[in-house]
Amino acid sequence: MEVRQLRYFVTLAEELHFGRAAAREHIVQSALSQQLQRLERELGVRLLARSTHYVRLTTAGAAFLVEARQILAHIDRAAQIARSAAGSSPSLRVGIIDASYDSMPQILHEVQARHPDLVIHQVELSVPEQYQQLLDGRLDVGIGRAALAPPGVASHLFRDDPLGVLVPDGHRFTAMDGVPVATLAREPLLLAEDGRAPEFNQFVVEMCRQAGFTPAVYKGTVESIRAAVDLVAGGRCLYCVPSSCISALPGTIWRPLVEPMSDYPWSLLWRAKDTSDLVRAVVNCTKVMSERLGWLASPARTIH
């Protein structure tokens, strides 16, 4: 059994799609399939049930996944300790949701200024994936709404981010300074793929229900804000998004939502038992930046 086989298996278990898993591992799909078949032969059990329409874990595969993640976390930690002992530069693995959001880049810029020798690795992951990788040691810090955080993941709310709606140029909302939430009832709203952003989808749906309606959800889904922008610009739907990413969304117009005004709560995430100096440094930088930039809104305005 090889370490790379374990990594391939874990990646496929997370994606449940050979094409996406192969792309993440930067190998061709046939090579991924061969390595996983070899792993199953060596173990003498079926880890995956496959067909032309789906990939899912067997009972044995689900049990093996837990142990495989722990093994990989121990290997990564051992490598980190070895590099530290050899005098290599310290490193930090940071989870981000989408490169379009500006909070984490600003925080990491501050951290880097205070720790110039620090090597930072940014990994684009959904919030559920960040939770899992924080718990098994593959990630040091992350970012997201902490409402669904599992036990073992600590959090610190650092930004109440005004929520708005992206509309195509020429839409009737472009003439408004603020868009009442109730007016979204007549518009198709795009949601993210639920496996990638359940906490954000939940927030948007709850906001609409508080305004007295259930949103008319656009039938398609997207995995990135860039993909959402393309659909909005094409006039297919509207998309609710916080203000922290509007500078990265050309071709659309953002208008704040009002009546009620809603703020999306961003929290820093880390492993509760992690007391390392680097994680504490990120937490401290986040707190300082939040206060300096006035990122936390008044309680009367914020809806979490």
Protein backbone atom coordinates (compact mmCIF):
# COMPACT_ATOMS: atom_id res chain seq x y z
CA MET A 1 0.00 0.00 0.00
CA GLU A 2 1.38 3.41 -1.00
CA VAL A 3 0.76 6.84 0.50
CA ARG A 4 -0.34 8.19 -2.88
CA GLN A 5 -3.03 5.48 -3.06
CA LEU A 6 -4.42 6.68 0.26
CA ARG A 7 -4.44 10.28 -0.98
CA TYR A 8 -6.17 9.29 -4.21
CA PHE A 9 -8.79 7.33 -2.28
CA VAL A 10 -9.50 10.21 0.13
CA THR A 11 -9.78 12.68 -2.75
CA LEU A 12 -12.22 10.44 -4.62
CA ALA A 13 -14.22 9.84 -1.44
CA GLU A 14 -14.59 13.62 -1.09
CA GLU A 15 -15.49 14.26 -4.73
CA LEU A 16 -17.37 11.00 -5.56
CA HIS A 17 -16.47 11.79 -9.15
CA PHE A 18 -13.46 10.33 -10.98
CA GLY A 19 -13.00 13.33 -13.27
CA ARG A 20 -12.95 15.92 -10.48
CA ALA A 21 -10.76 13.73 -8.26
CA ALA A 22 -8.24 13.19 -11.06
CA ALA A 23 -8.14 16.93 -11.74
CA ARG A 24 -7.45 17.66 -8.06
CA GLU A 25 -4.60 15.16 -8.04
CA HIS A 26 -3.26 16.36 -11.41
CA ILE A 27 -3.33 12.88 -12.97
CA VAL A 28 -5.35 11.31 -15.75
CA GLN A 29 -8.59 9.57 -14.82
CA SER A 30 -7.40 6.13 -15.98
CA ALA A 31 -4.34 6.32 -13.70
CA LEU A 32 -6.52 7.23 -10.74
CA SER A 33 -8.83 4.29 -11.45
CA GLN A 34 -5.89 1.88 -11.76
CA GLN A 35 -4.36 2.96 -8.47
CA LEU A 36 -7.65 2.59 -6.61
CA GLN A 37 -8.27 -0.84 -8.12
CA ARG A 38 -4.78 -1.84 -7.01
CA LEU A 39 -5.51 -0.58 -3.50
CA GLU A 40 -8.70 -2.63 -3.35
CA ARG A 41 -6.82 -5.75 -4.51
CA GLU A 42 -4.16 -5.27 -1.84
CA LEU A 43 -6.79 -4.82 0.87
CA GLY A 44 -9.00 -7.59 -0.44
CA VAL A 45 -12.18 -5.51 -0.06
CA ARG A 46 -14.34 -3.27 -2.22
CA LEU A 47 -14.01 0.33 -1.10
CA LEU A 48 -16.13 1.87 -3.84
CA ALA A 49 -19.32 0.97 -5.65
CA ARG A 50 -19.16 2.27 -9.23
CA SER A 51 -21.47 2.54 -12.19
CA THR A 52 -21.66 4.80 -15.23
CA HIS A 53 -23.95 7.11 -13.24
CA TYR A 54 -22.48 7.25 -9.72
CA VAL A 55 -19.58 6.55 -7.38
CA ARG A 56 -20.25 5.86 -3.71
CA LEU A 57 -18.43 4.43 -0.73
CA THR A 58 -19.18 0.93 0.45
CA THR A 59 -19.49 0.24 4.17
CA ALA A 60 -15.88 -0.92 4.17
CA GLY A 61 -14.87 2.18 2.22
CA ALA A 62 -16.52 4.53 4.72
CA ALA A 63 -14.71 2.82 7.60
CA PHE A 64 -11.41 2.86 5.69
CA LEU A 65 -11.83 6.58 4.91
CA VAL A 66 -11.71 7.51 8.61
CA GLU A 67 -8.43 5.64 9.13
CA ALA A 68 -6.92 6.83 5.83
CA ARG A 69 -7.49 10.46 6.77
CA GLN A 70 -5.83 9.93 10.13
CA ILE A 71 -2.83 8.21 8.53
CA LEU A 72 -2.39 11.05 6.03
CA ALA A 73 -2.72 13.65 8.78
CA HIS A 74 0.01 11.89 10.79
CA ILE A 75 2.26 11.75 7.72
CA ASP A 76 1.76 15.44 7.00
CA ARG A 77 2.40 16.32 10.62
CA ALA A 78 5.53 14.18 10.72
CA ALA A 79 6.84 15.91 7.59
CA GLN A 80 6.10 19.30 9.12
CA ILE A 81 7.97 18.39 12.31
CA ALA A 82 10.91 17.08 10.30
CA ARG A 83 11.12 20.29 8.27
CA SER A 84 10.95 22.39 11.43
CA ALA A 85 13.72 20.33 13.04
CA ALA A 86 15.85 20.83 9.92
CA GLY A 87 15.38 24.59 10.12
CA SER A 88 12.98 24.93 7.18
CA SER A 89 10.60 27.87 6.99
CA PRO A 90 7.38 27.45 9.01
CA SER A 91 4.25 26.86 6.93
CA LEU A 92 0.52 27.39 7.30
CA ARG A 93 -2.30 25.72 5.36
CA VAL A 94 -5.26 28.04 4.97
CA GLY A 95 -8.73 27.21 3.64
CA ILE A 96 -10.54 29.75 1.46
CA ILE A 97 -14.01 29.42 -0.06
CA ASP A 98 -13.56 31.35 -3.29
CA ALA A 99 -10.74 33.58 -4.52
CA SER A 100 -13.27 36.36 -5.18
CA TYR A 101 -13.73 37.14 -1.46
CA ASP A 102 -11.29 39.67 0.00
CA SER A 103 -11.33 38.99 3.77
CA MET A 104 -8.79 36.18 3.97
CA PRO A 105 -6.31 37.77 1.53
CA GLN A 106 -6.28 40.91 3.70
CA ILE A 107 -5.78 38.85 6.86
CA LEU A 108 -2.98 36.81 5.32
CA HIS A 109 -1.25 39.97 4.08
CA GLU A 110 -1.17 41.19 7.67
CA VAL A 111 0.07 37.83 8.95
CA GLN A 112 2.79 37.71 6.28
CA ALA A 113 3.96 41.21 7.20
CA ARG A 114 4.43 40.12 10.80
CA HIS A 115 5.97 36.75 9.89
CA PRO A 116 7.95 37.28 6.66
CA ASP A 117 9.50 33.79 6.74
CA LEU A 118 6.12 32.07 6.92
CA VAL A 119 5.15 29.98 3.89
CA ILE A 120 1.38 30.14 3.34
CA HIS A 121 -0.49 27.52 1.30
CA GLN A 122 -4.03 28.55 0.31
CA VAL A 123 -6.48 25.75 -0.51
CA GLU A 124 -9.88 26.48 -2.08
CA LEU A 125 -12.42 24.37 -0.19
CA SER A 126 -16.08 24.48 0.72
CA VAL A 127 -16.85 25.15 4.39
CA PRO A 128 -17.83 21.49 5.06
CA GLU A 129 -14.51 20.42 3.52
CA GLN A 130 -12.69 22.92 5.69
CA TYR A 131 -14.34 21.48 8.80
CA GLN A 132 -13.20 17.99 7.86
CA GLN A 133 -9.66 19.00 7.01
CA LEU A 134 -9.33 21.08 10.18
CA LEU A 135 -10.41 18.11 12.27
CA ASP A 136 -8.03 15.64 10.61
CA GLY A 137 -5.06 18.00 10.67
CA ARG A 138 -4.69 18.77 6.96
CA LEU A 139 -5.71 22.43 7.44
CA ASP A 140 -4.58 24.95 10.06
CA VAL A 141 -7.15 27.74 9.66
CA GLY A 142 -10.22 28.37 7.53
CA ILE A 143 -12.99 30.88 6.97
CA GLY A 144 -16.77 30.70 6.74
CA ARG A 145 -20.05 30.99 8.57
CA ALA A 146 -19.62 29.04 11.78
CA ALA A 147 -23.30 28.20 12.37
CA LEU A 148 -22.80 24.55 11.36
CA ALA A 149 -19.32 24.06 12.85
CA PRO A 150 -18.87 20.62 14.43
CA PRO A 151 -17.47 20.05 17.92
CA GLY A 152 -13.71 20.38 17.74
CA VAL A 153 -13.71 23.43 15.47
CA ALA A 154 -13.23 26.79 17.20
CA SER A 155 -14.35 30.05 15.61
CA HIS A 156 -14.14 33.81 15.96
CA LEU A 157 -16.66 36.14 14.30
CA PHE A 158 -14.67 38.96 12.69
CA ARG A 159 -16.83 40.45 9.93
CA ASP A 160 -20.48 41.29 9.38
CA ASP A 161 -20.54 41.59 5.61
CA PRO A 162 -23.48 43.51 4.04
CA LEU A 163 -25.44 41.22 1.76
CA GLY A 164 -26.57 42.41 -1.63
CA VAL A 165 -27.80 41.07 -4.94
CA LEU A 166 -25.99 40.80 -8.27
CA VAL A 167 -28.10 41.85 -11.24
CA PRO A 168 -27.37 42.16 -14.97
CA ASP A 169 -26.80 45.58 -16.46
CA GLY A 170 -30.16 47.17 -17.35
CA HIS A 171 -32.16 45.28 -14.72
CA ARG A 172 -34.84 47.35 -12.93
CA PHE A 173 -32.94 46.98 -9.63
CA THR A 174 -29.99 48.96 -10.98
CA ALA A 175 -31.97 52.20 -10.49
CA MET A 176 -32.42 51.47 -6.75
CA ASP A 177 -30.02 52.52 -4.00
CA GLY A 178 -31.20 49.50 -2.00
CA VAL A 179 -33.29 46.48 -2.98
CA PRO A 180 -36.02 45.41 -0.51
CA VAL A 181 -35.70 41.70 0.14
CA ALA A 182 -39.41 41.14 -0.57
CA THR A 183 -38.92 42.25 -4.19
CA LEU A 184 -36.75 39.18 -4.78
CA ALA A 185 -39.90 37.04 -4.59
CA ARG A 186 -40.53 37.62 -8.31
CA GLU A 187 -36.97 36.82 -9.38
CA PRO A 188 -35.19 33.48 -9.99
CA LEU A 189 -32.43 33.25 -7.37
CA LEU A 190 -29.30 31.22 -8.00
CA LEU A 191 -27.96 29.15 -5.11
CA ALA A 192 -24.58 27.49 -4.81
CA GLU A 193 -24.27 23.72 -5.08
CA ASP A 194 -25.56 22.64 -1.66
CA GLY A 195 -22.66 20.31 -0.96
CA ARG A 196 -20.26 23.25 -1.33
CA ALA A 197 -22.11 26.03 0.48
CA PRO A 198 -25.00 24.73 2.61
CA GLU A 199 -24.43 27.41 5.23
CA PHE A 200 -24.71 30.25 2.67
CA ASN A 201 -27.76 28.76 0.95
CA GLN A 202 -29.41 28.35 4.35
CA PHE A 203 -28.69 32.00 5.18
CA VAL A 204 -30.24 33.28 1.93
CA VAL A 205 -33.33 31.08 2.22
CA GLU A 206 -33.86 32.11 5.86
CA MET A 207 -33.55 35.78 4.90
CA CYS A 208 -36.24 35.37 2.22
CA ARG A 209 -38.57 33.50 4.56
CA GLN A 210 -38.22 36.27 7.15
CA ALA A 211 -39.36 38.67 4.41
CA GLY A 212 -42.48 36.53 3.90
CA PHE A 213 -41.71 34.34 0.89
CA THR A 214 -39.94 31.21 -0.27
CA PRO A 215 -37.46 32.05 -3.02
CA ALA A 216 -37.96 30.82 -6.58
CA VAL A 217 -34.72 28.92 -6.94
CA TYR A 218 -33.01 28.82 -10.33
CA LYS A 219 -32.73 25.17 -11.37
CA GLY A 220 -29.01 25.20 -12.11
CA THR A 221 -26.19 25.43 -9.55
CA VAL A 222 -22.62 26.70 -9.64
CA GLU A 223 -19.36 25.85 -7.90
CA SER A 224 -17.79 29.33 -8.06
CA ILE A 225 -18.73 32.98 -7.98
CA ARG A 226 -17.17 33.44 -11.41
CA ALA A 227 -19.64 30.90 -12.81
CA ALA A 228 -22.50 32.69 -11.02
CA VAL A 229 -21.49 35.99 -12.59
CA ASP A 230 -21.70 34.49 -16.07
CA LEU A 231 -25.28 33.35 -15.45
CA VAL A 232 -26.31 36.68 -13.95
CA ALA A 233 -24.71 38.70 -16.76
CA GLY A 234 -26.62 36.53 -19.23
CA GLY A 235 -29.93 37.49 -17.59
CA ARG A 236 -30.70 33.96 -16.41
CA CYS A 237 -31.01 34.70 -12.68
CA LEU A 238 -29.95 36.92 -9.77
CA TYR A 239 -27.40 35.99 -7.11
CA CYS A 240 -27.12 37.13 -3.50
CA VAL A 241 -23.55 37.82 -2.50
CA PRO A 242 -21.76 39.76 0.29
CA SER A 243 -20.05 43.08 -0.41
CA SER A 244 -16.58 41.63 0.18
CA CYS A 245 -16.36 40.22 -3.34
CA ILE A 246 -18.06 42.83 -5.53
CA SER A 247 -14.78 44.38 -6.74
CA ALA A 248 -13.97 41.05 -8.42
CA LEU A 249 -17.24 40.72 -10.35
CA PRO A 250 -17.12 42.71 -13.60
CA GLY A 251 -20.08 42.63 -15.96
CA THR A 252 -22.72 42.78 -13.22
CA ILE A 253 -24.08 45.39 -10.82
CA TRP A 254 -24.34 44.87 -7.06
CA ARG A 255 -27.07 46.48 -5.01
CA PRO A 256 -27.38 46.20 -1.20
CA LEU A 257 -30.38 44.40 0.21
CA VAL A 258 -32.63 46.35 2.59
CA GLU A 259 -35.86 45.88 4.53
CA PRO A 260 -34.29 44.12 6.30
CA MET A 261 -30.61 44.83 5.88
CA SER A 262 -28.70 41.59 6.33
CA ASP A 263 -25.05 40.98 7.14
CA TYR A 264 -23.31 37.71 6.35
CA PRO A 265 -21.23 36.56 9.34
CA TRP A 266 -17.64 35.60 8.51
CA SER A 267 -15.72 33.67 11.15
CA LEU A 268 -12.15 32.48 11.35
CA LEU A 269 -12.05 28.71 11.90
CA TRP A 270 -9.38 26.56 13.49
CA ARG A 271 -8.95 23.29 15.36
CA ALA A 272 -10.02 23.85 18.97
CA LYS A 273 -7.07 21.87 20.36
CA ASP A 274 -4.51 23.65 18.18
CA THR A 275 -2.50 26.00 20.42
CA SER A 276 0.37 26.60 17.98
CA ASP A 277 1.98 30.03 17.81
CA LEU A 278 1.11 30.40 14.12
CA VAL A 279 -2.60 29.76 14.59
CA ARG A 280 -2.65 32.18 17.53
CA ALA A 281 -0.90 34.74 15.32
CA VAL A 282 -3.61 34.43 12.65
CA VAL A 283 -6.36 34.76 15.26
CA ASN A 284 -4.71 37.86 16.75
CA CYS A 285 -4.15 39.47 13.34
CA THR A 286 -7.79 38.83 12.46
CA LYS A 287 -9.01 40.49 15.65
CA VAL A 288 -6.78 43.53 15.14
CA MET A 289 -7.80 43.95 11.50
CA SER A 290 -11.49 43.52 12.30
CA GLU A 291 -11.33 46.31 14.86
CA ARG A 292 -9.19 48.60 12.70
CA LEU A 293 -11.43 48.29 9.63
CA GLY A 294 -14.71 48.30 11.56
CA TRP A 295 -15.80 44.97 10.13
CA LEU A 296 -18.34 44.18 12.86
CA ALA A 297 -21.72 45.85 12.45
CA SER A 298 -24.03 46.95 15.22
CA PRO A 299 -26.18 44.13 16.70
CA ALA A 300 -29.39 45.88 15.61
CA ARG A 301 -28.42 45.65 11.95
CA THR A 302 -27.01 42.15 11.83
CA ILE A 303 -29.05 39.04 11.03
CA HIS A 304 -27.05 35.83 11.62
